[in-house]
Amino acid sequence: MKKIEAIIQPFKLEEVKDALVAIGIDGMTVSEVRGHGRQKGHKEVYRGQEYQVDLLPKVKIEMVIPAGRLDEVVRTVVGAARTGKIGDGKIFVFDVAEAIRIRNDERGESAI
C-alpha cells in the first residue's frame, strides 16, 4: 500500500476530486494548508502599504491506495492539477505498513 500526499492549488480541488472518482478512488482526506516553495510568496498592497505574503493557501489531499495503482493515481492527479505555472504543487509518496478499519478490524488493502 502507498500513501499519497498531494499539495495543490485550491481552485483545482474539484477537478482533482472528480478525476480521482472517475478512476475509482473514493477515499481521501482534504485539508486546507498554507506554505510556499521556491516562489517564496509574493508582495501585495493593502491600504497603500506593501507587505510580503509568504505562506500561500494550498490544499492537501491524502489517500492510501493499493501499490499497483500508484502510477495511475499519480498521473491522474498531475493531469488534473497542472496549470503549467509556478506553484502547481507537489506529490509525495510513502510506504504504508498496515491499514486497519476500526469498525470491524479489517486489515491490509481490504481496509482501504
N, C-alpha and C. Protein backbone atom coordinates (compact mmCIF):
# COMPACT_ATOMS: atom_id res chain seq x y z
N MET A 1 0.84 -1.18 0.00
CA MET A 1 0.00 0.00 0.00
C MET A 1 0.89 1.24 0.00
N LYS A 2 0.37 2.28 -0.59
CA LYS A 2 1.08 3.55 -0.69
C LYS A 2 0.18 4.68 -0.18
N LYS A 3 0.81 5.66 0.47
CA LYS A 3 0.09 6.88 0.85
C LYS A 3 0.57 7.98 -0.06
N ILE A 4 -0.37 8.70 -0.63
CA ILE A 4 -0.06 9.83 -1.50
C ILE A 4 -0.52 11.09 -0.79
N GLU A 5 0.38 12.07 -0.71
CA GLU A 5 0.03 13.41 -0.25
C GLU A 5 0.27 14.35 -1.42
N ALA A 6 -0.78 15.01 -1.84
CA ALA A 6 -0.68 15.96 -2.96
C ALA A 6 -1.01 17.35 -2.45
N ILE A 7 -0.10 18.29 -2.65
CA ILE A 7 -0.32 19.69 -2.29
C ILE A 7 -0.64 20.40 -3.60
N ILE A 8 -1.84 20.97 -3.70
CA ILE A 8 -2.30 21.54 -4.97
C ILE A 8 -2.88 22.94 -4.75
N GLN A 9 -3.14 23.63 -5.85
CA GLN A 9 -3.82 24.93 -5.81
C GLN A 9 -5.27 24.70 -5.38
N PRO A 10 -5.81 25.56 -4.51
CA PRO A 10 -7.19 25.37 -4.04
C PRO A 10 -8.24 25.31 -5.15
N PHE A 11 -8.08 26.10 -6.19
CA PHE A 11 -9.09 26.13 -7.26
C PHE A 11 -9.08 24.86 -8.11
N LYS A 12 -8.08 23.99 -7.93
CA LYS A 12 -8.01 22.74 -8.68
C LYS A 12 -8.61 21.56 -7.92
N LEU A 13 -9.08 21.78 -6.68
CA LEU A 13 -9.57 20.68 -5.85
C LEU A 13 -10.70 19.90 -6.50
N GLU A 14 -11.72 20.57 -6.97
CA GLU A 14 -12.87 19.86 -7.56
C GLU A 14 -12.47 19.05 -8.78
N GLU A 15 -11.61 19.62 -9.60
CA GLU A 15 -11.15 18.92 -10.80
C GLU A 15 -10.37 17.65 -10.43
N VAL A 16 -9.50 17.76 -9.43
CA VAL A 16 -8.72 16.60 -8.99
C VAL A 16 -9.64 15.55 -8.37
N LYS A 17 -10.56 16.00 -7.51
CA LYS A 17 -11.51 15.07 -6.88
C LYS A 17 -12.32 14.32 -7.92
N ASP A 18 -12.85 15.04 -8.89
CA ASP A 18 -13.66 14.41 -9.94
C ASP A 18 -12.84 13.42 -10.75
N ALA A 19 -11.59 13.75 -11.05
CA ALA A 19 -10.73 12.85 -11.82
C ALA A 19 -10.43 11.58 -11.03
N LEU A 20 -10.22 11.71 -9.72
CA LEU A 20 -9.96 10.54 -8.89
C LEU A 20 -11.19 9.64 -8.77
N VAL A 21 -12.34 10.24 -8.58
CA VAL A 21 -13.58 9.46 -8.51
C VAL A 21 -13.82 8.73 -9.83
N ALA A 22 -13.48 9.37 -10.95
CA ALA A 22 -13.66 8.75 -12.26
C ALA A 22 -12.82 7.49 -12.44
N ILE A 23 -11.69 7.37 -11.73
CA ILE A 23 -10.88 6.15 -11.83
C ILE A 23 -11.11 5.22 -10.64
N GLY A 24 -12.12 5.54 -9.82
CA GLY A 24 -12.49 4.64 -8.73
C GLY A 24 -11.81 4.88 -7.40
N ILE A 25 -11.20 6.05 -7.23
CA ILE A 25 -10.59 6.39 -5.94
C ILE A 25 -11.59 7.26 -5.19
N ASP A 26 -12.20 6.69 -4.15
CA ASP A 26 -13.23 7.40 -3.40
C ASP A 26 -12.72 7.99 -2.10
N GLY A 27 -11.87 7.26 -1.39
CA GLY A 27 -11.45 7.70 -0.07
C GLY A 27 -10.29 8.66 -0.13
N MET A 28 -10.47 9.81 0.48
CA MET A 28 -9.39 10.80 0.56
C MET A 28 -9.67 11.74 1.71
N THR A 29 -8.64 12.35 2.22
CA THR A 29 -8.75 13.38 3.25
C THR A 29 -8.25 14.68 2.63
N VAL A 30 -9.00 15.75 2.81
CA VAL A 30 -8.64 17.04 2.24
C VAL A 30 -8.48 18.05 3.38
N SER A 31 -7.35 18.76 3.36
CA SER A 31 -7.07 19.78 4.38
C SER A 31 -6.67 21.07 3.70
N GLU A 32 -7.10 22.18 4.29
CA GLU A 32 -6.62 23.49 3.83
C GLU A 32 -5.31 23.76 4.57
N VAL A 33 -4.26 24.05 3.81
CA VAL A 33 -2.94 24.29 4.38
C VAL A 33 -2.37 25.58 3.81
N ARG A 34 -1.25 26.01 4.37
CA ARG A 34 -0.55 27.18 3.87
C ARG A 34 0.92 26.83 3.77
N GLY A 35 1.58 27.39 2.76
CA GLY A 35 3.00 27.13 2.61
C GLY A 35 3.57 27.83 1.40
N HIS A 36 4.84 27.58 1.15
CA HIS A 36 5.47 28.11 -0.05
C HIS A 36 6.60 27.20 -0.47
N GLY A 37 6.91 27.26 -1.72
CA GLY A 37 8.03 26.52 -2.28
C GLY A 37 9.09 27.50 -2.71
N ARG A 38 9.60 27.30 -3.90
CA ARG A 38 10.66 28.17 -4.39
C ARG A 38 10.22 29.60 -4.62
N GLN A 39 8.92 29.81 -4.89
CA GLN A 39 8.50 31.17 -5.22
C GLN A 39 8.50 32.08 -4.00
N LYS A 40 8.54 31.55 -2.79
CA LYS A 40 8.63 32.31 -1.54
C LYS A 40 7.53 33.36 -1.40
N GLY A 41 6.35 33.11 -1.93
CA GLY A 41 5.24 34.03 -1.77
C GLY A 41 5.29 35.17 -2.77
N HIS A 42 4.59 36.24 -2.43
CA HIS A 42 4.54 37.41 -3.30
C HIS A 42 4.20 38.64 -2.47
N LYS A 43 4.33 39.82 -3.09
CA LYS A 43 4.01 41.08 -2.41
C LYS A 43 2.59 41.51 -2.80
N GLU A 44 1.89 42.07 -1.82
CA GLU A 44 0.57 42.63 -2.05
C GLU A 44 0.51 44.01 -1.44
N VAL A 45 -0.47 44.81 -1.88
CA VAL A 45 -0.66 46.15 -1.33
C VAL A 45 -2.04 46.18 -0.69
N TYR A 46 -2.08 46.61 0.57
CA TYR A 46 -3.33 46.76 1.30
C TYR A 46 -3.36 48.13 1.95
N ARG A 47 -4.35 48.94 1.59
CA ARG A 47 -4.48 50.30 2.10
C ARG A 47 -3.20 51.11 1.96
N GLY A 48 -2.58 50.95 0.81
CA GLY A 48 -1.39 51.73 0.50
C GLY A 48 -0.10 51.17 1.06
N GLN A 49 -0.17 50.14 1.85
CA GLN A 49 1.03 49.54 2.43
C GLN A 49 1.37 48.24 1.71
N GLU A 50 2.62 48.10 1.34
CA GLU A 50 3.06 46.87 0.68
C GLU A 50 3.53 45.89 1.75
N TYR A 51 3.14 44.63 1.60
CA TYR A 51 3.59 43.62 2.54
C TYR A 51 3.82 42.30 1.81
N GLN A 52 4.62 41.45 2.42
CA GLN A 52 5.00 40.17 1.83
C GLN A 52 4.03 39.09 2.31
N VAL A 53 3.44 38.35 1.35
CA VAL A 53 2.62 37.19 1.66
C VAL A 53 3.50 35.98 1.37
N ASP A 54 4.02 35.35 2.44
CA ASP A 54 4.97 34.26 2.20
C ASP A 54 4.39 32.88 2.46
N LEU A 55 3.19 32.79 3.02
CA LEU A 55 2.53 31.50 3.18
C LEU A 55 1.25 31.53 2.36
N LEU A 56 1.28 30.86 1.22
CA LEU A 56 0.17 30.89 0.28
C LEU A 56 -0.83 29.78 0.59
N PRO A 57 -2.13 30.02 0.37
CA PRO A 57 -3.12 28.98 0.62
C PRO A 57 -2.98 27.84 -0.39
N LYS A 58 -3.01 26.62 0.11
CA LYS A 58 -2.95 25.41 -0.72
C LYS A 58 -3.95 24.41 -0.15
N VAL A 59 -4.13 23.30 -0.85
CA VAL A 59 -4.97 22.20 -0.39
C VAL A 59 -4.13 20.95 -0.39
N LYS A 60 -4.23 20.16 0.70
CA LYS A 60 -3.51 18.89 0.77
C LYS A 60 -4.52 17.76 0.69
N ILE A 61 -4.30 16.87 -0.27
CA ILE A 61 -5.14 15.68 -0.43
C ILE A 61 -4.29 14.48 -0.01
N GLU A 62 -4.83 13.67 0.89
CA GLU A 62 -4.14 12.48 1.34
C GLU A 62 -5.00 11.26 1.02
N MET A 63 -4.37 10.20 0.53
CA MET A 63 -5.10 8.96 0.26
C MET A 63 -4.15 7.78 0.36
N VAL A 64 -4.69 6.65 0.76
CA VAL A 64 -3.93 5.40 0.79
C VAL A 64 -4.54 4.50 -0.28
N ILE A 65 -3.66 3.97 -1.13
CA ILE A 65 -4.11 3.19 -2.29
C ILE A 65 -3.31 1.89 -2.38
N PRO A 66 -3.83 0.90 -3.13
CA PRO A 66 -3.02 -0.29 -3.40
C PRO A 66 -1.77 0.11 -4.21
N ALA A 67 -0.64 -0.50 -3.91
CA ALA A 67 0.62 -0.15 -4.58
C ALA A 67 0.53 -0.29 -6.09
N GLY A 68 -0.25 -1.23 -6.59
CA GLY A 68 -0.38 -1.44 -8.03
C GLY A 68 -1.05 -0.31 -8.78
N ARG A 69 -1.73 0.58 -8.07
CA ARG A 69 -2.42 1.69 -8.72
C ARG A 69 -1.66 3.01 -8.62
N LEU A 70 -0.45 2.97 -8.05
CA LEU A 70 0.30 4.20 -7.80
C LEU A 70 0.49 5.05 -9.05
N ASP A 71 1.03 4.48 -10.11
CA ASP A 71 1.31 5.27 -11.32
C ASP A 71 0.04 5.88 -11.90
N GLU A 72 -1.05 5.11 -11.92
CA GLU A 72 -2.31 5.61 -12.46
C GLU A 72 -2.83 6.79 -11.65
N VAL A 73 -2.78 6.68 -10.32
CA VAL A 73 -3.29 7.75 -9.46
C VAL A 73 -2.41 8.99 -9.58
N VAL A 74 -1.10 8.82 -9.58
CA VAL A 74 -0.20 9.98 -9.71
C VAL A 74 -0.43 10.68 -11.05
N ARG A 75 -0.54 9.92 -12.14
CA ARG A 75 -0.82 10.53 -13.45
C ARG A 75 -2.13 11.30 -13.43
N THR A 76 -3.14 10.75 -12.78
CA THR A 76 -4.45 11.40 -12.72
C THR A 76 -4.37 12.72 -11.95
N VAL A 77 -3.70 12.71 -10.80
CA VAL A 77 -3.57 13.94 -10.00
C VAL A 77 -2.78 14.99 -10.77
N VAL A 78 -1.66 14.59 -11.34
CA VAL A 78 -0.83 15.53 -12.10
C VAL A 78 -1.64 16.13 -13.26
N GLY A 79 -2.34 15.30 -13.99
CA GLY A 79 -3.11 15.77 -15.13
C GLY A 79 -4.21 16.75 -14.74
N ALA A 80 -4.86 16.49 -13.61
CA ALA A 80 -5.97 17.36 -13.19
C ALA A 80 -5.49 18.62 -12.48
N ALA A 81 -4.32 18.57 -11.82
CA ALA A 81 -3.87 19.71 -11.01
C ALA A 81 -2.95 20.66 -11.77
N ARG A 82 -2.39 20.23 -12.88
CA ARG A 82 -1.37 21.05 -13.57
C ARG A 82 -1.98 22.24 -14.28
N THR A 83 -1.37 23.41 -14.05
CA THR A 83 -1.71 24.61 -14.82
C THR A 83 -0.52 25.01 -15.70
N GLY A 84 0.66 24.49 -15.36
CA GLY A 84 1.86 24.84 -16.09
C GLY A 84 2.56 26.07 -15.53
N LYS A 85 2.04 26.60 -14.44
CA LYS A 85 2.62 27.80 -13.83
C LYS A 85 3.26 27.44 -12.50
N ILE A 86 4.13 28.31 -12.03
CA ILE A 86 4.79 28.09 -10.75
C ILE A 86 3.73 28.01 -9.64
N GLY A 87 3.96 27.13 -8.69
CA GLY A 87 3.02 26.97 -7.58
C GLY A 87 1.98 25.90 -7.79
N ASP A 88 2.12 25.07 -8.83
CA ASP A 88 1.15 23.99 -9.06
C ASP A 88 1.13 22.98 -7.93
N GLY A 89 2.24 22.79 -7.23
CA GLY A 89 2.24 21.90 -6.08
C GLY A 89 3.22 20.77 -6.18
N LYS A 90 3.07 19.81 -5.27
CA LYS A 90 3.96 18.66 -5.20
C LYS A 90 3.14 17.42 -4.84
N ILE A 91 3.71 16.25 -5.14
CA ILE A 91 3.14 14.97 -4.72
C ILE A 91 4.23 14.21 -3.99
N PHE A 92 3.87 13.68 -2.81
CA PHE A 92 4.79 12.87 -2.03
C PHE A 92 4.19 11.48 -1.88
N VAL A 93 5.03 10.44 -1.97
CA VAL A 93 4.57 9.06 -1.89
C VAL A 93 5.31 8.37 -0.74
N PHE A 94 4.53 7.68 0.11
CA PHE A 94 5.08 6.97 1.27
C PHE A 94 4.62 5.51 1.24
N ASP A 95 5.43 4.63 1.81
CA ASP A 95 5.01 3.25 2.02
C ASP A 95 4.13 3.19 3.26
N VAL A 96 3.08 2.36 3.21
CA VAL A 96 2.19 2.16 4.35
C VAL A 96 2.35 0.71 4.80
N ALA A 97 2.74 0.53 6.05
CA ALA A 97 2.98 -0.81 6.58
C ALA A 97 1.67 -1.56 6.84
N GLU A 98 0.65 -0.86 7.32
CA GLU A 98 -0.59 -1.52 7.69
C GLU A 98 -1.73 -0.53 7.67
N ALA A 99 -2.92 -1.02 7.35
CA ALA A 99 -4.15 -0.23 7.44
C ALA A 99 -5.16 -1.09 8.19
N ILE A 100 -5.86 -0.49 9.12
CA ILE A 100 -6.83 -1.22 9.94
C ILE A 100 -8.13 -0.43 9.97
N ARG A 101 -9.22 -1.09 9.58
CA ARG A 101 -10.54 -0.45 9.66
C ARG A 101 -11.02 -0.61 11.10
N ILE A 102 -11.29 0.48 11.76
CA ILE A 102 -11.66 0.45 13.17
C ILE A 102 -12.99 -0.28 13.37
N ARG A 103 -13.95 -0.07 12.48
CA ARG A 103 -15.29 -0.63 12.65
C ARG A 103 -15.28 -2.14 12.82
N ASN A 104 -14.52 -2.85 11.97
CA ASN A 104 -14.60 -4.32 12.00
C ASN A 104 -13.23 -5.00 12.03
N ASP A 105 -12.17 -4.26 12.27
CA ASP A 105 -10.80 -4.80 12.39
C ASP A 105 -10.28 -5.41 11.09
N GLU A 106 -10.84 -5.04 9.93
CA GLU A 106 -10.27 -5.49 8.66
C GLU A 106 -8.87 -4.93 8.55
N ARG A 107 -7.97 -5.66 7.88
CA ARG A 107 -6.60 -5.23 7.79
C ARG A 107 -6.09 -5.30 6.34
N GLY A 108 -5.06 -4.52 6.07
CA GLY A 108 -4.45 -4.52 4.76
C GLY A 108 -5.27 -3.77 3.73
N GLU A 109 -5.14 -4.19 2.46
CA GLU A 109 -5.85 -3.47 1.38
C GLU A 109 -7.35 -3.52 1.51
N SER A 110 -7.90 -4.54 2.15
CA SER A 110 -9.36 -4.59 2.32
C SER A 110 -9.85 -3.50 3.27
N ALA A 111 -8.96 -2.95 4.08
CA ALA A 111 -9.35 -1.87 5.00
C ALA A 111 -9.39 -0.51 4.31
N ILE A 112 -8.77 -0.41 3.12
CA ILE A 112 -8.80 0.88 2.45
C ILE A 112 -9.91 0.89 1.43
